[in-house]
């Protein structure tokens, strides 16, 4: 399986939803970087399940245990490995899925690729449970970036048809970013959370689910990071964000909206600020031109599909070739994964930006 990512900052994520544990190894981290474990636990808690009616009822502490690469409060330069125990499994909920693949899940494709030997319990290695190790990696990367003046935050831009306003892509407020980067179900407008919860609850009562969009911003990035063509900043970030289960689209800056604009409206005018630095008055580019960072805030959005595990009867087949069947999914599932996905998108952004800086020779300092 391709569960490894990166060239300079390398991740290897392992485990499955119902295995004894899940975890991550991070290789290439600078030595001597202080790591605040309490700050890591805070980020893990933002993603953890079982917090309210918008999430699965499965309860997991999600407390990472560091095995190596960390000593006396700092990174050692060796690979940093952490494991997270799975303690609340109900594997019997998934027995039927060995022969009846769930629509919208990877059950069928995994059955074909791995000859029926894939772990179907909770989705196995395809499960959103594997985002917990990614959040750990992102929490480590976040602290390394913060010491270099780089911050990341996200918010739930939309749930179904309910949408709030996006970030100010030119001058986002530090206080807002700080609040969002610590919140469960982060929103810019607190009133929007109630409307989003109502949309989620409506789907839940129907035995259904709903998707949405997470918007992420990274500030403090220097200009000049990234490469043209195939190693651009967009390429790198998108490659990791698409590793998050249920992500179906990623856009930067104006994104698909740029297709409806004229060049005179989409181009971001340059100017010199009071320090002599080059800035732009708008930021439709999302902080990236030609695959290279401009020094403006980096802004992107990730679209999440509705949770495919729903309580409504669905058409499926009996494997390996037994004809049509009906399936009603049991177990504990999120009616909407978007609130818990926000810190995961942030984590992916932090790891990808750390890799981007390392590749560009801008990580030191």
Protein backbone atom coordinates (compact mmCIF):
# COMPACT_ATOMS: atom_id res chain seq x y z
CA UNK A 1 0.00 0.00 0.00
CA UNK A 2 1.12 3.54 -0.72
CA UNK A 3 0.92 4.94 2.80
CA UNK A 4 4.17 6.89 2.67
CA UNK A 5 4.53 10.53 1.62
CA UNK A 6 7.24 13.14 1.21
CA UNK A 7 10.89 13.43 0.21
CA UNK A 8 12.50 15.56 2.93
CA UNK A 9 9.82 15.26 5.62
CA UNK A 10 8.64 11.68 5.17
CA UNK A 11 5.49 10.20 6.66
CA UNK A 12 4.56 6.56 7.03
CA UNK A 13 1.06 5.98 8.41
CA UNK A 14 0.13 2.50 9.58
CA UNK A 15 -2.71 0.51 11.13
CA UNK A 16 -6.44 0.24 10.56
CA UNK A 17 -9.71 1.26 12.15
CA UNK A 18 -9.99 -1.94 14.22
CA UNK A 19 -6.36 -3.01 14.55
CA UNK A 20 -4.66 -2.92 17.94
CA UNK A 21 -3.21 0.50 17.19
CA UNK A 22 -2.62 3.07 14.49
CA UNK A 23 0.37 5.35 14.17
CA UNK A 24 2.86 7.36 12.17
CA UNK A 25 6.60 7.62 11.65
CA UNK A 26 7.95 11.05 10.68
CA UNK A 27 11.47 11.07 9.25
CA UNK A 28 13.56 14.11 8.36
CA UNK A 29 12.54 16.43 11.20
CA UNK A 30 15.23 18.88 12.32
CA UNK A 31 16.95 17.90 15.56
CA UNK A 32 16.55 19.98 18.70
CA UNK A 33 13.03 21.22 17.96
CA UNK A 34 11.04 21.65 21.21
CA UNK A 35 7.72 19.81 21.10
CA UNK A 36 4.92 20.72 23.52
CA UNK A 37 2.96 17.52 24.15
CA UNK A 38 -0.01 19.40 25.61
CA UNK A 39 -0.35 21.35 22.38
CA UNK A 40 -0.34 18.05 20.48
CA UNK A 41 -3.07 16.65 22.73
CA UNK A 42 -5.15 19.78 22.08
CA UNK A 43 -5.03 19.19 18.34
CA UNK A 44 -5.81 15.49 18.73
CA UNK A 45 -8.89 16.35 20.80
CA UNK A 46 -10.25 18.55 18.01
CA UNK A 47 -10.43 15.53 15.70
CA UNK A 48 -11.44 12.91 18.27
CA UNK A 49 -14.80 11.14 17.79
CA UNK A 50 -17.82 11.10 20.08
CA UNK A 51 -17.93 14.81 20.96
CA UNK A 52 -21.50 15.67 19.87
CA UNK A 53 -24.42 14.57 17.70
CA UNK A 54 -22.63 15.65 14.51
CA UNK A 55 -20.05 12.88 15.02
CA UNK A 56 -19.87 9.13 15.45
CA UNK A 57 -20.69 7.81 18.93
CA UNK A 58 -17.45 5.81 18.96
CA UNK A 59 -15.31 7.04 21.86
CA UNK A 60 -11.53 7.02 21.53
CA UNK A 61 -9.08 8.88 23.76
CA UNK A 62 -6.70 9.41 20.82
CA UNK A 63 -3.73 9.86 23.13
CA UNK A 64 -0.52 9.33 21.15
CA UNK A 65 2.37 7.47 22.74
CA UNK A 66 5.76 8.50 21.35
CA UNK A 67 8.10 5.55 20.93
CA UNK A 68 11.24 7.24 19.62
CA UNK A 69 12.69 10.39 18.13
CA UNK A 70 11.83 12.57 21.14
CA UNK A 71 13.95 13.03 24.26
CA UNK A 72 14.11 15.66 26.99
CA UNK A 73 11.37 17.67 25.30
CA UNK A 74 12.99 17.99 21.88
CA UNK A 75 13.32 16.06 18.63
CA UNK A 76 16.47 13.96 18.38
CA UNK A 77 16.83 13.98 14.59
CA UNK A 78 15.95 10.28 14.44
CA UNK A 79 12.59 9.14 13.05
CA UNK A 80 9.75 10.21 15.34
CA UNK A 81 7.20 7.42 15.83
CA UNK A 82 3.91 7.63 17.72
CA UNK A 83 1.17 5.05 18.21
CA UNK A 84 -2.48 5.55 19.15
CA UNK A 85 -4.32 2.60 20.63
CA UNK A 86 -7.74 1.56 19.33
CA UNK A 87 -9.80 0.76 22.40
CA UNK A 88 -13.46 0.93 21.32
CA UNK A 89 -14.02 -1.53 18.48
CA UNK A 90 -17.22 -3.33 17.53
CA UNK A 91 -15.90 -5.48 14.69
CA UNK A 92 -19.05 -7.63 14.53
CA UNK A 93 -20.79 -4.64 12.94
CA UNK A 94 -18.76 -5.29 9.78
CA UNK A 95 -18.99 -9.06 9.23
CA UNK A 96 -21.57 -8.72 6.44
CA UNK A 97 -19.32 -6.37 4.49
CA UNK A 98 -16.95 -9.16 3.53
CA UNK A 99 -19.49 -10.18 0.91
CA UNK A 100 -21.71 -7.09 0.60
CA UNK A 101 -19.59 -4.00 -0.23
CA UNK A 102 -20.92 -0.64 0.90
CA UNK A 103 -21.76 1.83 -1.88
CA UNK A 104 -19.44 4.82 -1.68
CA UNK A 105 -16.77 2.94 0.29
CA UNK A 106 -13.57 1.22 -0.83
CA UNK A 107 -14.89 -2.24 0.11
CA UNK A 108 -15.33 -3.38 -3.49
CA UNK A 109 -12.15 -1.87 -4.94
CA UNK A 110 -10.09 -3.20 -2.02
CA UNK A 111 -11.65 -6.66 -2.50
CA UNK A 112 -10.57 -6.62 -6.16
CA UNK A 113 -7.09 -5.24 -5.55
CA UNK A 114 -6.20 -7.42 -2.55
CA UNK A 115 -8.02 -10.59 -3.51
CA UNK A 116 -10.50 -10.44 -0.65
CA UNK A 117 -7.79 -10.30 2.02
CA UNK A 118 -8.45 -6.66 2.89
CA UNK A 119 -9.52 -5.74 6.41
CA UNK A 120 -13.16 -4.63 6.18
CA UNK A 121 -13.54 -3.81 9.89
CA UNK A 122 -14.40 -0.13 10.06
CA UNK A 123 -12.91 0.30 6.59
CA UNK A 124 -9.52 -1.04 7.67
CA UNK A 125 -6.66 1.01 6.26
CA UNK A 126 -9.12 3.08 4.20
CA UNK A 127 -10.83 4.42 7.31
CA UNK A 128 -10.99 8.03 8.42
CA UNK A 129 -9.53 6.71 11.69
CA UNK A 130 -6.15 6.97 9.95
CA UNK A 131 -6.45 10.75 10.05
CA UNK A 132 -5.58 10.66 13.76
CA UNK A 133 -1.88 9.92 13.06
CA UNK A 134 -1.94 12.63 10.39
CA UNK A 135 -3.20 15.12 12.98
CA UNK A 136 -0.33 14.09 15.27
CA UNK A 137 2.17 14.73 12.47
CA UNK A 138 0.52 18.05 11.71
CA UNK A 139 0.63 19.09 15.36
CA UNK A 140 4.38 18.48 15.40
CA UNK A 141 4.85 20.36 12.13
CA UNK A 142 2.65 23.23 13.38
CA UNK A 143 5.02 23.91 16.29
CA UNK A 144 8.10 23.87 14.06
CA UNK A 145 6.41 26.29 11.65
CA UNK A 146 5.16 28.59 14.42
CA UNK A 147 8.74 29.25 15.53
CA UNK A 148 9.34 30.49 12.00
CA UNK A 149 6.36 32.83 12.06
CA UNK A 150 4.04 30.56 10.06
CA UNK A 151 0.47 29.91 11.25
CA UNK A 152 -2.35 27.73 9.93
CA UNK A 153 -6.08 27.71 10.62
CA UNK A 154 -9.25 26.39 9.04
CA UNK A 155 -12.99 26.69 9.33
CA UNK A 156 -16.08 24.87 8.14
CA UNK A 157 -17.01 26.97 5.12
CA UNK A 158 -20.14 24.96 4.35
CA UNK A 159 -22.24 21.98 5.35
CA UNK A 160 -24.60 20.94 2.60
CA UNK A 161 -26.25 24.12 1.36
CA UNK A 162 -25.46 26.09 4.55
CA UNK A 163 -22.47 28.37 4.01
CA UNK A 164 -20.63 31.09 5.90
CA UNK A 165 -18.24 33.78 4.68
CA UNK A 166 -14.67 32.78 3.90
CA UNK A 167 -11.36 34.09 5.18
CA UNK A 168 -10.09 37.55 4.38
CA UNK A 169 -7.41 36.29 1.95
CA UNK A 170 -5.32 39.46 2.18
CA UNK A 171 -5.21 40.46 5.88
CA UNK A 172 -6.68 37.75 8.12
CA UNK A 173 -6.72 38.61 11.81
CA UNK A 174 -4.23 36.72 13.98
CA UNK A 175 -6.76 36.51 16.81
CA UNK A 176 -9.26 34.81 14.52
CA UNK A 177 -6.68 32.29 13.32
CA UNK A 178 -5.69 31.53 16.91
CA UNK A 179 -9.31 30.94 17.92
CA UNK A 180 -10.09 28.71 14.95
CA UNK A 181 -6.92 26.64 15.32
CA UNK A 182 -8.05 25.57 18.81
CA UNK A 183 -11.75 24.99 18.18
CA UNK A 184 -13.88 21.92 17.61
CA UNK A 185 -16.26 22.63 14.70
CA UNK A 186 -14.46 25.90 13.88
CA UNK A 187 -16.50 28.64 12.21
CA UNK A 188 -15.81 32.33 11.64
CA UNK A 189 -19.41 33.32 12.38
CA UNK A 190 -20.53 31.55 15.56
CA UNK A 191 -24.17 31.79 14.45
CA UNK A 192 -23.38 29.68 11.38
CA UNK A 193 -22.53 26.68 13.55
CA UNK A 194 -26.14 26.36 14.70
CA UNK A 195 -27.45 26.41 11.14
CA UNK A 196 -24.89 23.80 10.12
CA UNK A 197 -25.75 21.59 13.09
CA UNK A 198 -29.41 21.76 12.08
CA UNK A 199 -28.56 20.57 8.56
CA UNK A 200 -26.53 17.69 9.98
CA UNK A 201 -29.28 16.73 12.41
CA UNK A 202 -31.85 16.74 9.61
CA UNK A 203 -29.73 14.27 7.63
CA UNK A 204 -29.10 12.13 10.73
CA UNK A 205 -32.81 11.81 11.49
CA UNK A 206 -33.37 10.65 7.93
CA UNK A 207 -30.69 7.97 8.35
CA UNK A 208 -28.64 9.92 5.81
CA UNK A 209 -25.49 12.07 5.75
CA UNK A 210 -24.25 15.36 4.36
CA UNK A 211 -20.94 16.72 3.07
CA UNK A 212 -19.31 20.13 3.06
CA UNK A 213 -16.21 22.26 2.50
CA UNK A 214 -13.27 23.14 4.76
CA UNK A 215 -11.31 26.31 4.00
CA UNK A 216 -7.71 26.56 5.21
CA UNK A 217 -5.27 29.46 5.38
CA UNK A 218 -1.52 29.56 6.05
CA UNK A 219 0.12 32.89 6.88
CA UNK A 220 3.73 33.96 7.27
CA UNK A 221 5.06 31.97 4.35
CA UNK A 222 8.05 33.52 2.60
CA UNK A 223 7.95 34.21 -1.10
CA UNK A 224 9.88 31.81 -3.33
CA UNK A 225 8.94 28.35 -2.01
CA UNK A 226 7.97 25.76 -4.58
CA UNK A 227 8.84 24.80 -8.15
CA UNK A 228 7.13 25.19 -11.52
CA UNK A 229 5.27 22.37 -13.26
CA UNK A 230 5.17 19.21 -11.17
CA UNK A 231 6.65 20.27 -7.81
CA UNK A 232 4.60 23.39 -7.23
CA UNK A 233 3.14 24.42 -3.89
CA UNK A 234 -0.36 23.49 -5.08
CA UNK A 235 0.82 20.06 -6.25
CA UNK A 236 2.48 19.29 -2.94
CA UNK A 237 -0.37 20.41 -0.71
CA UNK A 238 -3.06 18.79 -2.84
CA UNK A 239 -1.19 15.47 -2.89
CA UNK A 240 -1.40 15.24 0.90
CA UNK A 241 -4.90 16.69 1.27
CA UNK A 242 -6.21 14.14 -1.24
CA UNK A 243 -4.88 11.46 1.11
CA UNK A 244 -7.63 12.42 3.57
CA UNK A 245 -10.52 9.97 3.09
CA UNK A 246 -13.66 11.56 1.54
CA UNK A 247 -11.86 14.54 -0.05
CA UNK A 248 -13.21 14.90 -3.59
CA UNK A 249 -11.89 18.31 -4.60
CA UNK A 250 -9.20 20.86 -3.75
CA UNK A 251 -9.05 24.43 -5.03
CA UNK A 252 -6.65 27.32 -4.38
CA UNK A 253 -7.45 31.01 -4.23
CA UNK A 254 -10.46 31.83 -6.40
CA UNK A 255 -10.38 28.20 -7.53
CA UNK A 256 -13.15 27.18 -9.91
CA UNK A 257 -14.62 30.64 -9.49
CA UNK A 258 -11.71 31.98 -11.55
CA UNK A 259 -13.29 30.39 -14.61
CA UNK A 260 -16.13 32.92 -14.37
CA UNK A 261 -13.85 35.96 -14.00
CA UNK A 262 -12.00 38.18 -16.44
CA UNK A 263 -8.26 38.62 -16.23
CA UNK A 264 -8.69 42.23 -15.16
CA UNK A 265 -10.67 41.03 -12.15
CA UNK A 266 -8.65 37.93 -11.32
CA UNK A 267 -5.15 39.42 -11.54
CA UNK A 268 -3.83 40.58 -8.15
CA UNK A 269 -2.25 44.07 -8.44
CA UNK A 270 1.22 44.36 -6.90
CA UNK A 271 2.39 47.15 -4.60
CA UNK A 272 5.24 47.88 -2.19
CA UNK A 273 4.32 47.92 1.50
CA UNK A 274 5.86 50.20 4.13
CA UNK A 275 8.77 47.79 4.65
CA UNK A 276 9.61 47.59 0.97
CA UNK A 277 8.09 44.13 0.58
CA UNK A 278 6.03 43.14 -2.44
CA UNK A 279 2.35 42.53 -1.67
CA UNK A 280 -0.86 42.23 -3.64
CA UNK A 281 -4.08 44.16 -3.03
CA UNK A 282 -6.23 41.11 -3.69
CA UNK A 283 -5.37 37.43 -3.42
CA UNK A 284 -7.30 35.51 -6.06
CA UNK A 285 -4.11 33.48 -6.66
CA UNK A 286 -4.32 32.09 -3.13
CA UNK A 287 -0.72 33.01 -2.40
CA UNK A 288 0.78 30.95 -5.24
CA UNK A 289 1.91 31.93 -8.75
CA UNK A 290 3.60 29.47 -11.08
CA UNK A 291 3.71 26.92 -8.27
CA UNK A 292 5.79 29.32 -6.14
CA UNK A 293 4.61 31.12 -3.00
CA UNK A 294 4.11 34.88 -3.31
CA UNK A 295 4.40 35.75 0.37
CA UNK A 296 0.67 36.43 0.62
CA UNK A 297 -1.56 34.14 2.69
CA UNK A 298 -1.92 30.68 1.17
CA UNK A 299 -5.63 29.88 0.86
CA UNK A 300 -7.24 26.64 -0.28
CA UNK A 301 -10.47 24.67 0.16
CA UNK A 302 -11.18 20.94 0.38
CA UNK A 303 -14.57 19.48 -0.54
CA UNK A 304 -15.76 16.43 1.42
CA UNK A 305 -18.37 14.01 0.17
CA UNK A 306 -21.22 12.88 2.43
CA UNK A 307 -20.33 10.01 4.76
CA UNK A 308 -21.09 6.89 2.68
CA UNK A 309 -22.15 4.79 5.71
CA UNK A 310 -25.85 5.61 6.01
CA UNK A 311 -28.87 3.86 7.56
CA UNK A 312 -30.97 3.92 4.39
CA UNK A 313 -31.19 0.56 2.53
CA UNK A 314 -28.94 0.57 -0.55
CA UNK A 315 -28.37 -1.66 -3.55
CA UNK A 316 -25.19 -3.73 -3.56
CA UNK A 317 -23.92 -7.10 -4.76
CA UNK A 318 -22.86 -10.37 -3.16
CA UNK A 319 -19.16 -11.08 -3.68
CA UNK A 320 -17.58 -12.83 -5.41
CA UNK A 321 -20.40 -12.95 -7.97
CA UNK A 322 -23.59 -13.92 -6.17
CA UNK A 323 -25.87 -11.33 -7.74
CA UNK A 324 -27.76 -8.32 -6.41
CA UNK A 325 -28.48 -7.69 -2.74
CA UNK A 326 -29.75 -5.05 -0.34
CA UNK A 327 -27.58 -3.56 2.39
CA UNK A 328 -28.40 -1.51 5.47
CA UNK A 329 -25.23 -0.26 7.14
CA UNK A 330 -25.07 -0.69 10.91
CA UNK A 331 -22.43 0.52 13.33
CA UNK A 332 -21.45 4.02 14.51
CA UNK A 333 -20.82 6.63 11.84
CA UNK A 334 -20.61 10.40 11.45
CA UNK A 335 -23.68 11.95 9.80
CA UNK A 336 -21.18 14.62 8.70
CA UNK A 337 -17.40 14.32 8.90
CA UNK A 338 -16.69 17.97 8.03
CA UNK A 339 -16.46 19.38 11.60
CA UNK A 340 -13.85 16.77 12.53
CA UNK A 341 -12.13 17.13 9.16
CA UNK A 342 -11.14 20.78 9.72
CA UNK A 343 -8.16 20.00 12.00
CA UNK A 344 -7.14 17.21 9.62
CA UNK A 345 -6.96 19.65 6.70
CA UNK A 346 -4.91 22.00 8.89
CA UNK A 347 -2.59 19.15 9.80
CA UNK A 348 -2.08 18.21 6.15
CA UNK A 349 -1.34 21.85 5.35
CA UNK A 350 1.26 22.09 8.14
CA UNK A 351 3.07 18.91 7.07
CA UNK A 352 2.97 19.90 3.39
CA UNK A 353 4.28 23.40 4.11
CA UNK A 354 7.09 21.97 6.23
CA UNK A 355 8.02 19.72 3.31
CA UNK A 356 7.72 22.65 0.89
CA UNK A 357 10.14 24.74 2.94
CA UNK A 358 12.56 21.83 3.33
CA UNK A 359 12.62 21.21 -0.43
CA UNK A 360 13.14 24.91 -1.09
CA UNK A 361 15.99 25.26 1.41
CA UNK A 362 13.93 27.62 3.57
CA UNK A 363 13.38 25.49 6.68
CA UNK A 364 16.36 26.71 8.72
CA UNK A 365 16.10 29.85 10.74
